[in-house]
């Protein structure tokens, strides 16, 4: 299963939707948003694209009540987890948080196949050694909105092959 990993959309709904559309064109069937969504209107166009979206808080909460209301009314298409998420997708255990230091710590446990984080607006894809003498993928898609970064970016992931590729948000 291919997935789209995004973060730090900061109320830039059209950019978020364009990244998700591009991911769907490459076969993505699910979206993980690593926080700083900000407002409910940010997610509306993306929900219309028809793929499930999992999201967590960030440090810029914006309107979490409106976002939770949209999730409640989305018929399971938008799952708003709060501070962090521990989900299983296509047989892979995935942890989602906004903060890189928290993501790094959770990757070190060896409890997850993939840990996704955001916040820094700097993309990163790497394997992290764990306390179990194994490796966990740790990915940060940067900022889908391009704020404070040279490029607006997101990640296309393949959970079968565990390959992750950085992509630019389309104009």
N, C-alpha and C. Protein backbone atom coordinates (compact mmCIF):
# COMPACT_ATOMS: atom_id res chain seq x y z
N UNK A 1 0.84 -1.18 0.00
CA UNK A 1 0.00 0.00 0.00
C UNK A 1 0.88 1.24 0.00
N UNK A 2 0.53 2.17 -0.86
CA UNK A 2 1.24 3.45 -0.90
C UNK A 2 0.48 4.46 -0.04
N UNK A 3 1.28 5.33 0.62
CA UNK A 3 0.70 6.35 1.48
C UNK A 3 1.34 7.70 1.19
N UNK A 4 0.60 8.75 1.52
CA UNK A 4 1.08 10.12 1.41
C UNK A 4 1.33 10.62 2.83
N UNK A 5 2.53 11.11 3.10
CA UNK A 5 2.88 11.64 4.41
C UNK A 5 3.13 13.14 4.26
N UNK A 6 2.36 13.93 5.00
CA UNK A 6 2.46 15.39 4.94
C UNK A 6 2.56 15.95 6.35
N UNK A 7 2.96 17.21 6.43
CA UNK A 7 3.00 17.90 7.72
C UNK A 7 2.98 19.40 7.48
N UNK A 8 2.66 20.13 8.53
CA UNK A 8 2.80 21.57 8.57
C UNK A 8 2.15 22.27 7.38
N UNK A 9 0.86 22.00 7.20
CA UNK A 9 0.11 22.67 6.14
C UNK A 9 -0.28 24.09 6.52
N UNK A 10 -0.35 24.39 7.81
CA UNK A 10 -0.56 25.76 8.31
C UNK A 10 -1.63 26.53 7.54
N UNK A 11 -2.82 25.94 7.46
CA UNK A 11 -3.98 26.59 6.83
C UNK A 11 -3.85 26.77 5.32
N UNK A 12 -2.90 26.10 4.70
CA UNK A 12 -2.75 26.19 3.23
C UNK A 12 -3.47 24.99 2.60
N UNK A 13 -4.79 25.01 2.65
CA UNK A 13 -5.62 23.91 2.15
C UNK A 13 -5.38 23.56 0.70
N UNK A 14 -5.29 24.53 -0.21
CA UNK A 14 -5.06 24.18 -1.62
C UNK A 14 -3.73 23.45 -1.84
N UNK A 15 -2.69 23.84 -1.13
CA UNK A 15 -1.40 23.15 -1.29
C UNK A 15 -1.49 21.72 -0.75
N UNK A 16 -2.15 21.55 0.38
CA UNK A 16 -2.35 20.21 0.94
C UNK A 16 -3.11 19.34 -0.05
N UNK A 17 -4.19 19.86 -0.60
CA UNK A 17 -4.99 19.10 -1.57
C UNK A 17 -4.18 18.74 -2.81
N UNK A 18 -3.35 19.67 -3.30
CA UNK A 18 -2.53 19.37 -4.49
C UNK A 18 -1.53 18.25 -4.21
N UNK A 19 -0.93 18.26 -3.03
CA UNK A 19 0.01 17.18 -2.68
C UNK A 19 -0.72 15.85 -2.61
N UNK A 20 -1.89 15.84 -1.99
CA UNK A 20 -2.66 14.59 -1.88
C UNK A 20 -3.11 14.11 -3.26
N UNK A 21 -3.54 15.02 -4.11
CA UNK A 21 -3.91 14.65 -5.48
C UNK A 21 -2.73 14.01 -6.20
N UNK A 22 -1.55 14.59 -6.06
CA UNK A 22 -0.35 14.03 -6.70
C UNK A 22 -0.05 12.64 -6.15
N UNK A 23 -0.21 12.48 -4.85
CA UNK A 23 0.03 11.17 -4.22
C UNK A 23 -0.97 10.13 -4.71
N UNK A 24 -2.22 10.52 -4.82
CA UNK A 24 -3.24 9.60 -5.33
C UNK A 24 -2.90 9.18 -6.76
N UNK A 25 -2.42 10.13 -7.57
CA UNK A 25 -2.02 9.81 -8.95
C UNK A 25 -0.89 8.79 -8.98
N UNK A 26 -0.10 8.71 -7.89
CA UNK A 26 0.98 7.73 -7.80
C UNK A 26 0.57 6.49 -6.99
N UNK A 27 -0.73 6.37 -6.72
CA UNK A 27 -1.24 5.16 -6.09
C UNK A 27 -1.47 5.22 -4.58
N UNK A 28 -1.31 6.39 -3.97
CA UNK A 28 -1.52 6.48 -2.52
C UNK A 28 -2.99 6.23 -2.18
N UNK A 29 -3.21 5.45 -1.12
CA UNK A 29 -4.56 5.10 -0.71
C UNK A 29 -4.87 5.60 0.70
N UNK A 30 -3.94 6.33 1.31
CA UNK A 30 -4.12 6.83 2.67
C UNK A 30 -3.17 8.00 2.89
N UNK A 31 -3.59 8.95 3.75
CA UNK A 31 -2.77 10.11 4.07
C UNK A 31 -2.48 10.13 5.56
N UNK A 32 -1.24 10.44 5.91
CA UNK A 32 -0.86 10.70 7.29
C UNK A 32 -0.42 12.15 7.37
N UNK A 33 -1.08 12.92 8.25
CA UNK A 33 -0.73 14.34 8.44
C UNK A 33 -0.10 14.47 9.82
N UNK A 34 1.14 14.94 9.87
CA UNK A 34 1.93 14.98 11.11
C UNK A 34 1.77 16.28 11.90
N UNK A 35 0.69 16.98 11.72
CA UNK A 35 0.39 18.12 12.59
C UNK A 35 0.57 19.48 11.97
N UNK A 36 0.04 20.47 12.70
CA UNK A 36 -0.06 21.86 12.29
C UNK A 36 -0.97 22.01 11.06
N UNK A 37 -2.10 21.36 11.17
CA UNK A 37 -3.17 21.50 10.19
C UNK A 37 -3.79 22.89 10.32
N UNK A 38 -4.03 23.33 11.52
CA UNK A 38 -4.53 24.62 11.98
C UNK A 38 -6.06 24.69 11.99
N UNK A 39 -6.71 24.84 10.84
CA UNK A 39 -8.16 25.04 10.84
C UNK A 39 -8.91 23.99 10.06
N UNK A 40 -10.20 23.92 10.32
CA UNK A 40 -11.05 22.95 9.65
C UNK A 40 -11.12 23.13 8.15
N UNK A 41 -11.12 24.37 7.69
CA UNK A 41 -11.20 24.60 6.24
C UNK A 41 -9.98 24.07 5.50
N UNK A 42 -8.88 23.90 6.19
CA UNK A 42 -7.66 23.38 5.57
C UNK A 42 -7.87 21.97 5.03
N UNK A 43 -8.71 21.20 5.69
CA UNK A 43 -8.86 19.78 5.36
C UNK A 43 -10.01 19.49 4.40
N UNK A 44 -10.94 20.42 4.24
CA UNK A 44 -12.16 20.15 3.47
C UNK A 44 -11.90 19.69 2.03
N UNK A 45 -11.08 20.39 1.28
CA UNK A 45 -10.82 20.02 -0.12
C UNK A 45 -10.12 18.66 -0.19
N UNK A 46 -9.27 18.38 0.77
CA UNK A 46 -8.56 17.10 0.78
C UNK A 46 -9.50 15.94 1.07
N UNK A 47 -10.48 16.15 1.94
CA UNK A 47 -11.46 15.11 2.23
C UNK A 47 -12.28 14.74 1.00
N UNK A 48 -12.52 15.71 0.14
CA UNK A 48 -13.29 15.46 -1.08
C UNK A 48 -12.56 14.54 -2.05
N UNK A 49 -11.27 14.29 -1.82
CA UNK A 49 -10.48 13.45 -2.73
C UNK A 49 -10.71 11.97 -2.50
N UNK A 50 -11.36 11.62 -1.37
CA UNK A 50 -11.80 10.24 -1.17
C UNK A 50 -10.82 9.26 -0.58
N UNK A 51 -9.72 9.71 0.00
CA UNK A 51 -8.81 8.78 0.68
C UNK A 51 -8.83 9.09 2.18
N UNK A 52 -8.71 8.07 3.02
CA UNK A 52 -8.69 8.32 4.47
C UNK A 52 -7.49 9.16 4.87
N UNK A 53 -7.71 10.04 5.85
CA UNK A 53 -6.66 10.92 6.36
C UNK A 53 -6.56 10.74 7.86
N UNK A 54 -5.37 10.42 8.34
CA UNK A 54 -5.07 10.36 9.77
C UNK A 54 -4.25 11.59 10.11
N UNK A 55 -4.62 12.31 11.18
CA UNK A 55 -3.90 13.53 11.55
C UNK A 55 -3.70 13.61 13.06
N UNK A 56 -2.63 14.31 13.44
CA UNK A 56 -2.35 14.59 14.85
C UNK A 56 -2.24 16.10 15.04
N UNK A 57 -2.28 16.53 16.31
CA UNK A 57 -2.07 17.94 16.64
C UNK A 57 -0.66 18.37 16.23
N UNK A 58 -0.43 19.62 16.31
CA UNK A 58 0.91 20.18 16.22
C UNK A 58 1.04 21.18 17.35
N UNK A 59 2.02 22.03 17.25
CA UNK A 59 2.16 23.07 18.27
C UNK A 59 1.29 24.29 17.95
N UNK A 60 0.78 24.36 16.74
CA UNK A 60 -0.17 25.40 16.34
C UNK A 60 -1.54 24.76 16.21
N UNK A 61 -2.28 24.76 17.31
CA UNK A 61 -3.55 24.03 17.35
C UNK A 61 -4.65 24.68 16.51
N UNK A 62 -4.64 25.97 16.36
CA UNK A 62 -5.69 26.61 15.58
C UNK A 62 -7.05 26.35 16.19
N UNK A 63 -7.88 25.58 15.52
CA UNK A 63 -9.25 25.31 15.98
C UNK A 63 -9.48 23.80 16.10
N UNK A 64 -8.96 23.18 17.17
CA UNK A 64 -9.11 21.73 17.30
C UNK A 64 -10.56 21.28 17.45
N UNK A 65 -11.43 22.14 17.96
CA UNK A 65 -12.84 21.77 18.09
C UNK A 65 -13.48 21.62 16.72
N UNK A 66 -13.23 22.57 15.83
CA UNK A 66 -13.77 22.46 14.46
C UNK A 66 -13.18 21.26 13.74
N UNK A 67 -11.90 21.02 13.92
CA UNK A 67 -11.26 19.87 13.27
C UNK A 67 -11.86 18.57 13.80
N UNK A 68 -12.07 18.48 15.10
CA UNK A 68 -12.67 17.28 15.69
C UNK A 68 -14.11 17.10 15.18
N UNK A 69 -14.83 18.17 15.02
CA UNK A 69 -16.21 18.09 14.50
C UNK A 69 -16.20 17.56 13.07
N UNK A 70 -15.29 18.05 12.26
CA UNK A 70 -15.19 17.56 10.87
C UNK A 70 -14.85 16.07 10.88
N UNK A 71 -13.92 15.68 11.73
CA UNK A 71 -13.56 14.26 11.83
C UNK A 71 -14.78 13.43 12.23
N UNK A 72 -15.52 13.90 13.20
CA UNK A 72 -16.71 13.18 13.68
C UNK A 72 -17.73 12.98 12.56
N UNK A 73 -17.88 13.97 11.71
CA UNK A 73 -18.87 13.92 10.64
C UNK A 73 -18.33 13.34 9.33
N UNK A 74 -17.11 12.84 9.32
CA UNK A 74 -16.47 12.41 8.07
C UNK A 74 -16.73 10.95 7.69
N UNK A 75 -17.51 10.23 8.49
CA UNK A 75 -17.81 8.82 8.22
C UNK A 75 -16.52 7.99 8.14
N UNK A 76 -15.57 8.31 9.02
CA UNK A 76 -14.33 7.54 9.10
C UNK A 76 -13.26 7.92 8.09
N UNK A 77 -13.50 8.94 7.29
CA UNK A 77 -12.51 9.33 6.28
C UNK A 77 -11.43 10.25 6.85
N UNK A 78 -11.72 10.89 7.98
CA UNK A 78 -10.75 11.77 8.63
C UNK A 78 -10.68 11.39 10.09
N UNK A 79 -9.54 10.87 10.50
CA UNK A 79 -9.34 10.43 11.88
C UNK A 79 -8.36 11.39 12.53
N UNK A 80 -8.87 12.15 13.52
CA UNK A 80 -8.06 13.15 14.22
C UNK A 80 -7.67 12.55 15.57
N UNK A 81 -6.41 12.17 15.71
CA UNK A 81 -5.95 11.39 16.85
C UNK A 81 -5.60 12.19 18.09
N UNK A 82 -5.37 13.47 17.96
CA UNK A 82 -4.92 14.26 19.12
C UNK A 82 -3.42 14.39 19.10
N UNK A 83 -2.77 14.22 20.25
CA UNK A 83 -1.32 14.44 20.38
C UNK A 83 -0.49 13.51 19.50
N UNK A 84 -0.83 12.24 19.46
CA UNK A 84 -0.07 11.28 18.66
C UNK A 84 -0.97 10.15 18.23
N UNK A 85 -0.47 9.29 17.37
CA UNK A 85 -1.25 8.17 16.87
C UNK A 85 -0.38 6.92 16.79
N UNK A 86 -0.98 5.80 17.14
CA UNK A 86 -0.37 4.48 17.01
C UNK A 86 -1.36 3.68 16.16
N UNK A 87 -1.05 3.53 14.87
CA UNK A 87 -1.97 2.88 13.95
C UNK A 87 -1.28 1.72 13.24
N UNK A 88 -2.08 0.79 12.76
CA UNK A 88 -1.57 -0.30 11.94
C UNK A 88 -2.21 -0.18 10.57
N UNK A 89 -1.37 -0.12 9.54
CA UNK A 89 -1.82 0.02 8.17
C UNK A 89 -1.07 -1.01 7.33
N UNK A 90 -1.80 -1.80 6.58
CA UNK A 90 -1.20 -2.82 5.70
C UNK A 90 -0.19 -3.69 6.46
N UNK A 91 -0.52 -4.01 7.69
CA UNK A 91 0.34 -4.87 8.50
C UNK A 91 1.55 -4.18 9.10
N UNK A 92 1.66 -2.88 8.90
CA UNK A 92 2.80 -2.12 9.44
C UNK A 92 2.34 -1.28 10.62
N UNK A 93 3.09 -1.33 11.70
CA UNK A 93 2.77 -0.51 12.87
C UNK A 93 3.44 0.85 12.68
N UNK A 94 2.62 1.92 12.77
CA UNK A 94 3.07 3.27 12.48
C UNK A 94 2.77 4.17 13.67
N UNK A 95 3.76 4.98 14.05
CA UNK A 95 3.57 5.99 15.09
C UNK A 95 3.66 7.35 14.44
N UNK A 96 2.74 8.25 14.81
CA UNK A 96 2.70 9.59 14.23
C UNK A 96 2.72 10.62 15.35
N UNK A 97 3.60 11.59 15.24
CA UNK A 97 3.68 12.70 16.18
C UNK A 97 4.10 13.94 15.40
N UNK A 98 3.98 15.08 16.03
CA UNK A 98 4.43 16.30 15.37
C UNK A 98 5.91 16.55 15.60
N UNK A 99 6.39 16.18 16.76
CA UNK A 99 7.72 16.61 17.20
C UNK A 99 8.83 15.61 16.85
N UNK A 100 9.91 16.07 16.20
CA UNK A 100 11.01 15.19 15.81
C UNK A 100 11.69 14.49 16.99
N UNK A 101 11.87 15.18 18.12
CA UNK A 101 12.54 14.53 19.24
C UNK A 101 11.69 13.40 19.81
N UNK A 102 10.39 13.57 19.83
CA UNK A 102 9.47 12.54 20.28
C UNK A 102 9.45 11.38 19.27
N UNK A 103 9.45 11.73 17.98
CA UNK A 103 9.51 10.71 16.93
C UNK A 103 10.78 9.89 17.03
N UNK A 104 11.91 10.56 17.24
CA UNK A 104 13.18 9.86 17.38
C UNK A 104 13.13 8.88 18.56
N UNK A 105 12.61 9.34 19.68
CA UNK A 105 12.52 8.48 20.86
C UNK A 105 11.65 7.25 20.59
N UNK A 106 10.53 7.45 19.93
CA UNK A 106 9.63 6.33 19.65
C UNK A 106 10.24 5.38 18.61
N UNK A 107 10.99 5.91 17.67
CA UNK A 107 11.68 5.05 16.71
C UNK A 107 12.72 4.17 17.40
N UNK A 108 13.38 4.71 18.40
CA UNK A 108 14.42 3.96 19.13
C UNK A 108 13.87 2.76 19.89
N UNK A 109 12.57 2.76 20.20
CA UNK A 109 11.98 1.66 20.96
C UNK A 109 11.96 0.35 20.18
N UNK A 110 11.90 0.44 18.87
CA UNK A 110 11.79 -0.76 18.06
C UNK A 110 10.38 -1.32 18.00
N UNK A 111 9.42 -0.59 18.54
CA UNK A 111 8.03 -1.04 18.54
C UNK A 111 7.30 -0.77 17.23
N UNK A 112 7.91 0.02 16.35
CA UNK A 112 7.22 0.47 15.15
C UNK A 112 8.04 0.18 13.90
N UNK A 113 7.34 -0.03 12.80
CA UNK A 113 8.00 -0.17 11.50
C UNK A 113 8.33 1.21 10.91
N UNK A 114 7.48 2.18 11.25
CA UNK A 114 7.61 3.53 10.69
C UNK A 114 7.18 4.54 11.74
N UNK A 115 7.97 5.60 11.88
CA UNK A 115 7.60 6.72 12.73
C UNK A 115 7.62 7.97 11.86
N UNK A 116 6.51 8.73 11.90
CA UNK A 116 6.36 9.95 11.11
C UNK A 116 6.28 11.15 12.04
N UNK A 117 6.99 12.22 11.69
CA UNK A 117 6.96 13.44 12.49
C UNK A 117 7.03 14.64 11.56
N UNK A 118 6.94 15.84 12.13
CA UNK A 118 6.99 17.07 11.35
C UNK A 118 7.72 18.15 12.12
N UNK A 119 7.12 19.33 12.21
CA UNK A 119 7.52 20.46 13.03
C UNK A 119 8.72 21.25 12.52
N UNK A 120 9.79 20.61 12.12
CA UNK A 120 11.03 21.30 11.77
C UNK A 120 10.97 21.98 10.40
N UNK A 121 10.01 21.57 9.57
CA UNK A 121 9.89 22.04 8.18
C UNK A 121 11.11 21.61 7.36
N UNK A 122 11.85 20.63 7.87
CA UNK A 122 13.02 20.09 7.17
C UNK A 122 12.80 18.61 6.89
N UNK A 123 12.72 18.22 5.62
CA UNK A 123 12.48 16.82 5.31
C UNK A 123 13.64 15.92 5.69
N UNK A 124 13.29 14.71 6.08
CA UNK A 124 14.31 13.71 6.44
C UNK A 124 13.71 12.32 6.26
N UNK A 125 14.48 11.44 5.69
CA UNK A 125 14.10 10.03 5.55
C UNK A 125 15.32 9.23 5.96
N UNK A 126 15.18 8.44 7.05
CA UNK A 126 16.34 7.65 7.49
C UNK A 126 15.88 6.47 8.33
N UNK A 127 16.79 5.51 8.46
CA UNK A 127 16.55 4.40 9.37
C UNK A 127 17.22 4.71 10.69
N UNK A 128 16.51 4.41 11.78
CA UNK A 128 16.99 4.65 13.13
C UNK A 128 17.27 3.32 13.81
N UNK A 129 18.47 3.16 14.38
CA UNK A 129 18.77 1.97 15.16
C UNK A 129 17.90 1.95 16.40
N UNK A 130 17.49 0.76 16.81
CA UNK A 130 16.60 0.63 17.95
C UNK A 130 17.28 -0.13 19.09
N UNK A 131 16.66 -0.10 20.26
CA UNK A 131 17.18 -0.84 21.41
C UNK A 131 17.03 -2.34 21.22
N UNK A 132 16.30 -2.76 20.21
CA UNK A 132 16.08 -4.19 19.92
C UNK A 132 17.04 -4.70 18.84
N UNK A 133 18.07 -3.93 18.55
CA UNK A 133 19.03 -4.32 17.52
C UNK A 133 18.38 -4.46 16.14
N UNK A 134 17.45 -3.56 15.86
CA UNK A 134 16.77 -3.54 14.57
C UNK A 134 16.79 -2.11 14.05
N UNK A 135 16.05 -1.87 12.99
CA UNK A 135 15.97 -0.55 12.38
C UNK A 135 14.50 -0.16 12.23
N UNK A 136 14.21 1.10 12.48
CA UNK A 136 12.88 1.67 12.26
C UNK A 136 13.02 2.86 11.32
N UNK A 137 12.12 2.95 10.36
CA UNK A 137 12.12 4.11 9.48
C UNK A 137 11.60 5.32 10.24
N UNK A 138 12.31 6.44 10.14
CA UNK A 138 11.92 7.71 10.74
C UNK A 138 11.85 8.72 9.60
N UNK A 139 10.64 9.26 9.35
CA UNK A 139 10.47 10.18 8.24
C UNK A 139 9.82 11.48 8.69
N UNK A 140 10.29 12.56 8.11
CA UNK A 140 9.72 13.88 8.32
C UNK A 140 9.52 14.47 6.92
N UNK A 141 8.29 14.73 6.52
CA UNK A 141 8.04 15.21 5.16
C UNK A 141 8.37 16.68 4.93
N UNK A 142 8.84 17.38 5.95
CA UNK A 142 9.06 18.82 5.79
C UNK A 142 7.73 19.54 5.91
N UNK A 143 7.54 20.57 5.11
CA UNK A 143 6.28 21.32 5.14
C UNK A 143 5.61 21.29 3.78
N UNK A 144 4.41 20.78 3.73
CA UNK A 144 3.65 20.70 2.49
C UNK A 144 3.32 22.10 1.97
N UNK A 145 3.36 23.10 2.88
CA UNK A 145 3.07 24.49 2.50
C UNK A 145 4.31 25.28 2.11
N UNK A 146 5.50 24.74 2.36
CA UNK A 146 6.73 25.43 2.00
C UNK A 146 7.11 26.59 2.90
N UNK A 147 6.50 26.69 4.06
CA UNK A 147 6.76 27.83 4.95
C UNK A 147 8.13 27.73 5.61
N UNK A 148 8.94 28.76 5.44
CA UNK A 148 10.25 28.79 6.05
C UNK A 148 11.19 27.71 5.54
N UNK A 149 10.91 27.21 4.36
CA UNK A 149 11.72 26.13 3.78
C UNK A 149 12.00 26.46 2.32
N UNK A 150 13.08 25.90 1.78
CA UNK A 150 13.37 26.17 0.37
C UNK A 150 12.32 25.61 -0.58
N UNK A 151 11.65 24.52 -0.17
CA UNK A 151 10.66 23.87 -1.02
C UNK A 151 9.48 23.39 -0.18
N UNK A 152 8.33 23.31 -0.81
CA UNK A 152 7.15 22.68 -0.22
C UNK A 152 7.24 21.19 -0.54
N UNK A 153 7.23 20.34 0.49
CA UNK A 153 7.51 18.92 0.27
C UNK A 153 6.53 18.00 1.01
N UNK A 154 6.50 16.76 0.56
CA UNK A 154 5.74 15.68 1.17
C UNK A 154 6.45 14.38 0.81
N UNK A 155 6.01 13.27 1.40
CA UNK A 155 6.66 11.98 1.16
C UNK A 155 5.65 10.97 0.63
N UNK A 156 6.05 10.25 -0.41
CA UNK A 156 5.31 9.09 -0.89
C UNK A 156 5.98 7.86 -0.30
N UNK A 157 5.20 7.06 0.42
CA UNK A 157 5.75 5.86 1.04
C UNK A 157 5.07 4.62 0.50
N UNK A 158 5.82 3.54 0.42
CA UNK A 158 5.29 2.24 0.03
C UNK A 158 5.46 1.30 1.21
N UNK A 159 4.38 0.90 1.83
CA UNK A 159 4.46 0.07 3.04
C UNK A 159 4.82 -1.38 2.74
N UNK A 160 4.69 -1.81 1.51
CA UNK A 160 5.11 -3.17 1.16
C UNK A 160 6.63 -3.25 1.05
N UNK A 161 7.23 -2.30 0.35
CA UNK A 161 8.68 -2.32 0.13
C UNK A 161 9.43 -1.48 1.17
N UNK A 162 8.68 -0.68 1.95
CA UNK A 162 9.25 0.26 2.92
C UNK A 162 10.25 1.21 2.24
N UNK A 163 9.82 1.76 1.11
CA UNK A 163 10.57 2.79 0.41
C UNK A 163 9.83 4.11 0.59
N UNK A 164 10.60 5.16 0.79
CA UNK A 164 10.05 6.48 1.03
C UNK A 164 10.77 7.49 0.14
N UNK A 165 9.99 8.29 -0.59
CA UNK A 165 10.56 9.23 -1.53
C UNK A 165 10.01 10.63 -1.31
N UNK A 166 10.90 11.59 -1.25
CA UNK A 166 10.52 12.98 -1.07
C UNK A 166 9.97 13.53 -2.38
N UNK A 167 8.87 14.27 -2.27
CA UNK A 167 8.26 14.89 -3.44
C UNK A 167 8.04 16.38 -3.16
N UNK A 168 7.96 17.17 -4.22
CA UNK A 168 7.63 18.59 -4.09
C UNK A 168 6.12 18.77 -4.27
N UNK A 169 5.57 19.68 -3.48
CA UNK A 169 4.15 20.00 -3.62
C UNK A 169 3.96 20.68 -4.97
N UNK A 170 3.01 20.18 -5.78
CA UNK A 170 2.79 20.79 -7.09
C UNK A 170 2.30 22.23 -6.96
N UNK A 171 2.65 23.05 -7.96
CA UNK A 171 2.18 24.45 -8.00
C UNK A 171 0.72 24.51 -8.34
